[in-house]
C-alpha cells in the first residue's frame, strides 16, 4: 500500500468551496461536519431512461411536476429528521440538496426514490458524483466543475456498448446504500449476473444494467464488513471474473486494480505532490506542464493511495 498522506496538497477541511459537478466525475471536497449532499434527477415520464426527453420537454406541466416533486422530497427529508441547509436547482431536471442528518443514508435514498419519477444520482458526506449526457467539456460547463476544490477525483467518458445511453448508465457509479464510494471501470465482468443476483439477495438494489455498478456495490459491501479498500480490491481480483481495469475512490483514498490479464490500458504518473492515472498518457500530459515519465501497473496489481 502506498500512503501519500504526507505529500498531498493541504486539504482545508473547513473551507466551504461550494463545488458543482462534472458529467462523469466523482470529486472529494471539504465537507462540513455531518453535512451530506444529495443529487436527484427527475425524469419527465417515470422512466429514468428518458432523461433526454426530460431536457427537451420543459412545458408547463413538466415544470409543475418538477416543483411538486421537489416539495415532496423536501417534506420527506424533513420528516426523517434531516436539517436542510440548501436546495439548488442545477439543471432543468436535477436538484442538489445539502442537509444535516444523523441516521442511515439508505433511509434517505428509499424515501426520496419513493416519489414517482425521482432518482438519486449521488448521496454522501465527502464525495459528490456528477453524471450526465454529453462530452466532458459540455458537462463540466453545465455543472461548473471549475468551482470544485478537493484532494482527489475520478472521471470517465463512456462509450456505451452493452447498456443504455442514459444518465443512470453514466459513470461514476455510487454504491447504494453506501455513501462516499464511487467507481469508474473499463472492461467487462463475465460473472456479472452471478454477482448481481448474489448482492440482490443480500438486500442491495441496482439502478442500471451496467456491470460497473456491481463493482461499486461489491467493494462497498466488503468495506461495510470491515475490509480496507485495498483488501476489498484484492479480494475482487479473486472473485470477479473478466477483463477489466477499475478505479475506486472513497472519502480518503483512491485505488486502482487490474485483472490478471491486464488487457485494459492504464498509465500512471506519480510525484511528491500528485498521482495521476489515465487510459492514455496524453490525458496526463494535458494537466502536467513539464516532462514526465509514466509506467503501466502490472497484471493483477492493486495500488491504493490515502490522504
Protein backbone atom coordinates (compact mmCIF):
# COMPACT_ATOMS: atom_id res chain seq x y z
CA UNK A 1 0.00 0.00 0.00
CA UNK A 2 1.32 3.39 -0.89
CA UNK A 3 0.45 6.12 1.58
CA UNK A 4 0.72 9.64 0.22
CA UNK A 5 -0.74 11.48 3.20
CA UNK A 6 2.46 13.47 3.70
CA UNK A 7 2.65 14.54 0.07
CA UNK A 8 -0.84 15.54 -0.95
CA UNK A 9 -1.68 19.26 -1.02
CA UNK A 10 -3.02 20.71 2.22
CA UNK A 11 -6.74 20.00 2.50
CA UNK A 12 -8.80 22.72 4.08
CA UNK A 13 -11.45 20.76 5.93
CA UNK A 14 -13.35 23.85 6.97
CA UNK A 15 -13.20 25.61 3.62
CA UNK A 16 -16.62 25.60 2.04
CA UNK A 17 -15.71 25.52 -1.61
CA UNK A 18 -19.26 25.06 -2.90
CA UNK A 19 -18.44 22.53 -5.60
CA UNK A 20 -20.62 21.79 -8.53
CA UNK A 21 -20.12 18.78 -10.82
CA UNK A 22 -18.76 17.09 -13.93
CA UNK A 23 -20.80 14.93 -16.19
CA UNK A 24 -18.71 11.97 -15.34
CA UNK A 25 -16.77 12.71 -12.18
CA UNK A 26 -16.56 11.89 -8.52
CA UNK A 27 -14.85 14.58 -6.51
CA UNK A 28 -13.83 14.68 -2.87
CA UNK A 29 -14.23 18.11 -1.40
CA UNK A 30 -14.14 19.66 2.05
CA UNK A 31 -17.34 18.84 3.94
CA UNK A 32 -18.76 20.48 6.99
CA UNK A 33 -19.25 18.03 9.86
CA UNK A 34 -22.32 15.80 9.42
CA UNK A 35 -23.35 17.55 6.18
CA UNK A 36 -24.48 15.35 3.32
CA UNK A 37 -25.27 16.19 -0.28
CA UNK A 38 -27.95 14.56 -2.37
CA UNK A 39 -28.33 14.96 -6.11
CA UNK A 40 -31.65 13.84 -7.58
CA UNK A 41 -32.89 13.56 -11.15
CA UNK A 42 -36.47 13.97 -12.28
CA UNK A 43 -37.41 12.17 -15.48
CA UNK A 44 -40.45 13.51 -17.26
CA UNK A 45 -42.44 10.34 -17.77
CA UNK A 46 -41.49 7.96 -14.99
CA UNK A 47 -38.81 6.13 -16.95
CA UNK A 48 -35.30 7.15 -15.99
CA UNK A 49 -34.12 6.08 -19.44
CA UNK A 50 -35.92 9.10 -20.88
CA UNK A 51 -33.78 11.74 -19.21
CA UNK A 52 -33.00 13.28 -22.58
CA UNK A 53 -36.70 13.84 -23.15
CA UNK A 54 -36.89 15.49 -19.76
CA UNK A 55 -34.43 18.04 -21.01
CA UNK A 56 -36.37 18.70 -24.17
CA UNK A 57 -39.95 18.76 -22.89
CA UNK A 58 -39.91 21.66 -20.47
CA UNK A 59 -43.55 22.52 -20.88
CA UNK A 60 -45.80 23.97 -18.20
CA UNK A 61 -46.88 20.57 -16.93
CA UNK A 62 -43.28 19.39 -16.61
CA UNK A 63 -42.35 22.48 -14.60
CA UNK A 64 -45.31 21.90 -12.33
CA UNK A 65 -44.39 18.26 -11.77
CA UNK A 66 -40.81 19.26 -11.04
CA UNK A 67 -41.85 21.75 -8.36
CA UNK A 68 -44.36 19.32 -6.90
CA UNK A 69 -41.76 16.58 -6.64
CA UNK A 70 -39.22 18.99 -5.15
CA UNK A 71 -41.67 19.94 -2.42
CA UNK A 72 -42.48 16.28 -1.82
CA UNK A 73 -38.80 15.34 -1.46
CA UNK A 74 -38.16 18.29 0.85
CA UNK A 75 -41.08 17.28 3.06
CA UNK A 76 -39.90 13.67 3.25
CA UNK A 77 -36.38 14.71 4.19
CA UNK A 78 -37.67 16.92 6.99
CA UNK A 79 -39.97 14.14 8.19
CA UNK A 80 -36.90 11.89 8.56
CA UNK A 81 -35.25 14.50 10.73
CA UNK A 82 -32.90 15.98 8.15
CA UNK A 83 -31.99 19.64 8.61
CA UNK A 84 -31.90 21.13 5.11
CA UNK A 85 -29.28 23.80 4.54
CA UNK A 86 -29.75 24.47 0.83
CA UNK A 87 -31.69 23.28 -2.20
CA UNK A 88 -30.14 24.25 -5.51
CA UNK A 89 -31.56 23.67 -8.95
CA UNK A 90 -28.60 22.69 -11.07
CA UNK A 91 -30.22 21.82 -14.39
CA UNK A 92 -33.68 21.74 -15.85
CA UNK A 93 -34.17 18.28 -14.37
CA UNK A 94 -31.87 17.91 -11.34
CA UNK A 95 -31.56 19.40 -7.86
CA UNK A 96 -28.74 19.35 -5.32
CA UNK A 97 -29.66 19.29 -1.63
CA UNK A 98 -27.24 19.98 1.23
CA UNK A 99 -28.54 18.71 4.56
CA UNK A 100 -27.55 17.58 8.04
CA UNK A 101 -28.61 14.10 9.09
CA UNK A 102 -27.56 11.59 11.75
CA UNK A 103 -29.38 8.48 10.51
CA UNK A 104 -28.65 5.88 7.85
CA UNK A 105 -28.34 7.16 4.29
CA UNK A 106 -30.31 4.19 2.97
CA UNK A 107 -33.44 5.63 4.55
CA UNK A 108 -32.85 8.93 2.72
CA UNK A 109 -32.49 7.19 -0.64
CA UNK A 110 -35.53 5.00 -0.15
CA UNK A 111 -37.94 7.80 0.80
CA UNK A 112 -36.66 10.08 -2.00
CA UNK A 113 -36.93 7.43 -4.70
CA UNK A 114 -40.40 6.53 -3.47
CA UNK A 115 -41.50 9.81 -5.06
CA UNK A 116 -42.70 8.99 -8.61
CA UNK A 117 -40.17 9.75 -11.36
CA UNK A 118 -37.35 10.66 -8.94
CA UNK A 119 -33.93 9.01 -8.87
CA UNK A 120 -30.96 9.63 -6.57
CA UNK A 121 -27.77 10.12 -8.56
CA UNK A 122 -25.40 10.93 -5.69
CA UNK A 123 -25.54 10.80 -1.90
CA UNK A 124 -22.67 11.18 0.52
CA UNK A 125 -20.71 13.22 3.04
CA UNK A 126 -17.33 13.65 1.33
CA UNK A 127 -17.83 12.62 -2.31
CA UNK A 128 -20.07 14.14 -4.92
CA UNK A 129 -20.91 12.28 -8.11
CA UNK A 130 -21.75 14.21 -11.24
CA UNK A 131 -23.06 12.39 -14.26
CA UNK A 132 -24.96 13.48 -17.33
CA UNK A 133 -25.12 13.02 -21.09
CA UNK A 134 -22.72 14.91 -23.33
CA UNK A 135 -18.96 15.26 -23.68
CA UNK A 136 -16.69 16.16 -20.78
CA UNK A 137 -16.39 19.84 -21.68
CA UNK A 138 -20.14 20.25 -22.03
CA UNK A 139 -20.93 18.61 -18.71
CA UNK A 140 -18.12 20.46 -16.93
CA UNK A 141 -19.58 23.80 -18.01
CA UNK A 142 -23.13 22.72 -17.25
CA UNK A 143 -22.28 21.84 -13.64
CA UNK A 144 -19.50 24.45 -13.21
CA UNK A 145 -16.85 21.91 -12.25
CA UNK A 146 -14.16 24.57 -12.14
CA UNK A 147 -15.68 25.62 -8.81
CA UNK A 148 -14.80 22.34 -7.08
CA UNK A 149 -11.91 22.03 -4.64
CA UNK A 150 -10.73 18.70 -3.24
CA UNK A 151 -7.91 16.23 -2.81
CA UNK A 152 -8.81 13.54 -5.33
CA UNK A 153 -11.21 12.91 -8.19
CA UNK A 154 -12.01 10.38 -10.90
CA UNK A 155 -13.77 10.82 -14.21
CA UNK A 156 -14.84 8.73 -17.17
CA UNK A 157 -16.10 9.43 -20.67
CA UNK A 158 -18.13 6.37 -21.57
CA UNK A 159 -18.93 4.78 -24.90
CA UNK A 160 -21.96 2.59 -24.18
CA UNK A 161 -21.61 -0.87 -25.70
CA UNK A 162 -23.85 -3.11 -23.61
CA UNK A 163 -26.20 -0.85 -21.65
CA UNK A 164 -28.48 2.11 -22.27
CA UNK A 165 -27.24 5.58 -23.15
CA UNK A 166 -28.78 7.49 -20.26
CA UNK A 167 -27.75 9.35 -17.13
CA UNK A 168 -28.23 6.28 -14.93
CA UNK A 169 -25.78 4.37 -17.11
CA UNK A 170 -23.09 7.03 -16.95
CA UNK A 171 -20.01 6.68 -14.76
CA UNK A 172 -19.05 7.04 -11.96
CA UNK A 173 -21.29 4.67 -10.04
CA UNK A 174 -22.13 5.13 -6.41
CA UNK A 175 -22.83 2.07 -4.29
CA UNK A 176 -26.39 2.17 -2.94
CA UNK A 177 -26.93 2.31 0.01
CA UNK A 178 -23.33 3.18 0.93
CA UNK A 179 -22.18 6.80 0.80
CA UNK A 180 -18.76 8.02 -0.31
CA UNK A 181 -17.84 5.09 -2.57
CA UNK A 182 -17.57 5.59 -6.34
CA UNK A 183 -16.14 3.54 -9.21
CA UNK A 184 -15.18 4.01 -12.85
CA UNK A 185 -14.44 0.92 -14.88
CA UNK A 186 -13.13 -0.11 -18.28
CA UNK A 187 -13.77 -3.70 -19.31
CA UNK A 188 -16.30 -6.46 -18.81
CA UNK A 189 -17.26 -8.78 -15.97
CA UNK A 190 -18.11 -12.26 -17.22
CA UNK A 191 -19.75 -13.28 -13.93
CA UNK A 192 -21.79 -10.07 -13.72
CA UNK A 193 -25.18 -11.75 -13.35
CA UNK A 194 -23.91 -14.15 -10.72
CA UNK A 195 -22.66 -11.30 -8.53
CA UNK A 196 -25.62 -9.06 -9.21
CA UNK A 197 -28.06 -11.76 -8.08
CA UNK A 198 -25.91 -12.58 -5.05
CA UNK A 199 -25.80 -8.94 -3.98
CA UNK A 200 -29.53 -8.54 -4.60
CA UNK A 201 -30.16 -11.50 -2.30
CA UNK A 202 -28.16 -9.61 0.33
CA UNK A 203 -30.62 -6.72 0.06
CA UNK A 204 -28.88 -4.45 -2.43
CA UNK A 205 -30.52 -2.98 -5.49
CA UNK A 206 -29.16 -1.59 -8.73
CA UNK A 207 -30.04 1.46 -10.80
CA UNK A 208 -28.65 0.16 -14.08
CA UNK A 209 -27.78 -2.95 -16.07
CA UNK A 210 -24.11 -2.00 -16.19
CA UNK A 211 -21.51 -4.34 -14.69
CA UNK A 212 -19.55 -1.37 -13.37
CA UNK A 213 -22.23 -0.78 -10.75
CA UNK A 214 -21.69 -4.32 -9.44
CA UNK A 215 -18.04 -3.46 -8.71
CA UNK A 216 -19.06 -0.40 -6.69
CA UNK A 217 -21.60 -2.29 -4.59
CA UNK A 218 -19.26 -5.28 -4.19
CA UNK A 219 -16.47 -3.08 -2.80
CA UNK A 220 -18.80 -1.09 -0.57
CA UNK A 221 -20.25 -4.27 0.94
CA UNK A 222 -16.76 -5.61 1.64
CA UNK A 223 -15.75 -2.37 3.35
CA UNK A 224 -19.01 -2.44 5.28
CA UNK A 225 -17.89 -5.85 6.58
CA UNK A 226 -14.62 -4.38 7.84
CA UNK A 227 -12.29 -4.74 4.84
CA UNK A 228 -9.94 -1.91 3.96
CA UNK A 229 -10.26 -0.54 0.44
CA UNK A 230 -7.03 -2.27 -0.55
CA UNK A 231 -8.11 -5.64 0.85
CA UNK A 232 -11.53 -5.36 -0.81
CA UNK A 233 -9.91 -4.61 -4.15
CA UNK A 234 -7.50 -7.54 -3.81
CA UNK A 235 -10.42 -9.80 -2.99
CA UNK A 236 -12.22 -8.55 -6.11
CA UNK A 237 -9.41 -9.88 -8.31
CA UNK A 238 -10.13 -13.35 -6.94
CA UNK A 239 -13.93 -13.19 -7.14
CA UNK A 240 -14.74 -11.01 -10.15
CA UNK A 241 -14.04 -12.66 -13.50
CA UNK A 242 -13.37 -10.85 -16.74
CA UNK A 243 -11.02 -8.38 -18.35
CA UNK A 244 -11.06 -5.06 -16.54
CA UNK A 245 -9.29 -2.12 -15.00
CA UNK A 246 -11.16 -0.04 -12.46
CA UNK A 247 -10.55 2.90 -10.13
CA UNK A 248 -12.36 3.35 -6.83
CA UNK A 249 -12.47 6.40 -4.57
CA UNK A 250 -13.68 6.82 -1.01
CA UNK A 251 -13.66 9.88 1.20
CA UNK A 252 -9.98 9.45 1.99
CA UNK A 253 -8.50 7.05 -0.57
CA UNK A 254 -8.01 6.32 -4.25
CA UNK A 255 -7.23 2.87 -5.59
CA UNK A 256 -6.75 1.10 -8.91
CA UNK A 257 -6.97 -2.59 -9.78
CA UNK A 258 -6.07 -4.51 -12.94
CA UNK A 259 -7.14 -8.08 -13.61
CA UNK A 260 -4.58 -10.83 -14.21
CA UNK A 261 -4.65 -10.37 -17.98
CA UNK A 262 -4.07 -6.59 -17.78
CA UNK A 263 -5.57 -6.10 -21.24
CA UNK A 264 -7.29 -2.81 -20.43
CA UNK A 265 -4.88 0.15 -20.59
CA UNK A 266 -3.83 2.26 -17.65
CA UNK A 267 -0.95 4.73 -17.43
CA UNK A 268 0.35 6.04 -14.09
CA UNK A 269 2.37 9.12 -13.17
CA UNK A 270 3.47 9.57 -9.57
CA UNK A 271 5.30 12.50 -7.97
CA UNK A 272 5.60 14.00 -4.50
CA UNK A 273 2.58 16.26 -5.00
CA UNK A 274 0.37 14.37 -7.45
CA UNK A 275 -0.80 10.94 -8.54
CA UNK A 276 -2.41 10.81 -11.99
CA UNK A 277 -3.91 7.83 -13.80
CA UNK A 278 -5.44 7.65 -17.26
CA UNK A 279 -6.15 5.29 -20.11
CA UNK A 280 -3.75 7.27 -22.32
CA UNK A 281 -0.61 9.22 -21.46
CA UNK A 282 -1.80 12.24 -23.43
CA UNK A 283 -4.51 12.84 -20.84
CA UNK A 284 -1.92 13.15 -18.06
CA UNK A 285 0.34 15.38 -20.12
CA UNK A 286 -2.59 17.73 -20.66
CA UNK A 287 -2.56 18.65 -16.96
CA UNK A 288 1.17 18.40 -16.14
CA UNK A 289 3.22 21.26 -17.56
CA UNK A 290 6.64 19.56 -17.59
CA UNK A 291 8.27 16.43 -18.96
CA UNK A 292 7.17 13.28 -17.15
CA UNK A 293 7.81 9.55 -17.06
CA UNK A 294 4.81 7.24 -16.88
CA UNK A 295 4.51 3.49 -16.39
CA UNK A 296 1.91 0.76 -16.60
CA UNK A 297 0.86 -1.13 -13.46
CA UNK A 298 1.39 -4.87 -13.76
CA UNK A 299 -1.26 -7.54 -14.23
CA UNK A 300 -3.14 -8.48 -11.08
CA UNK A 301 -1.92 -5.34 -9.32
CA UNK A 302 -3.77 -3.27 -6.74
CA UNK A 303 -2.49 0.15 -5.70
CA UNK A 304 -4.07 2.45 -3.12
CA UNK A 305 -3.19 5.99 -2.06
CA UNK A 306 -4.62 7.58 1.08
CA UNK A 307 -4.60 11.14 2.32
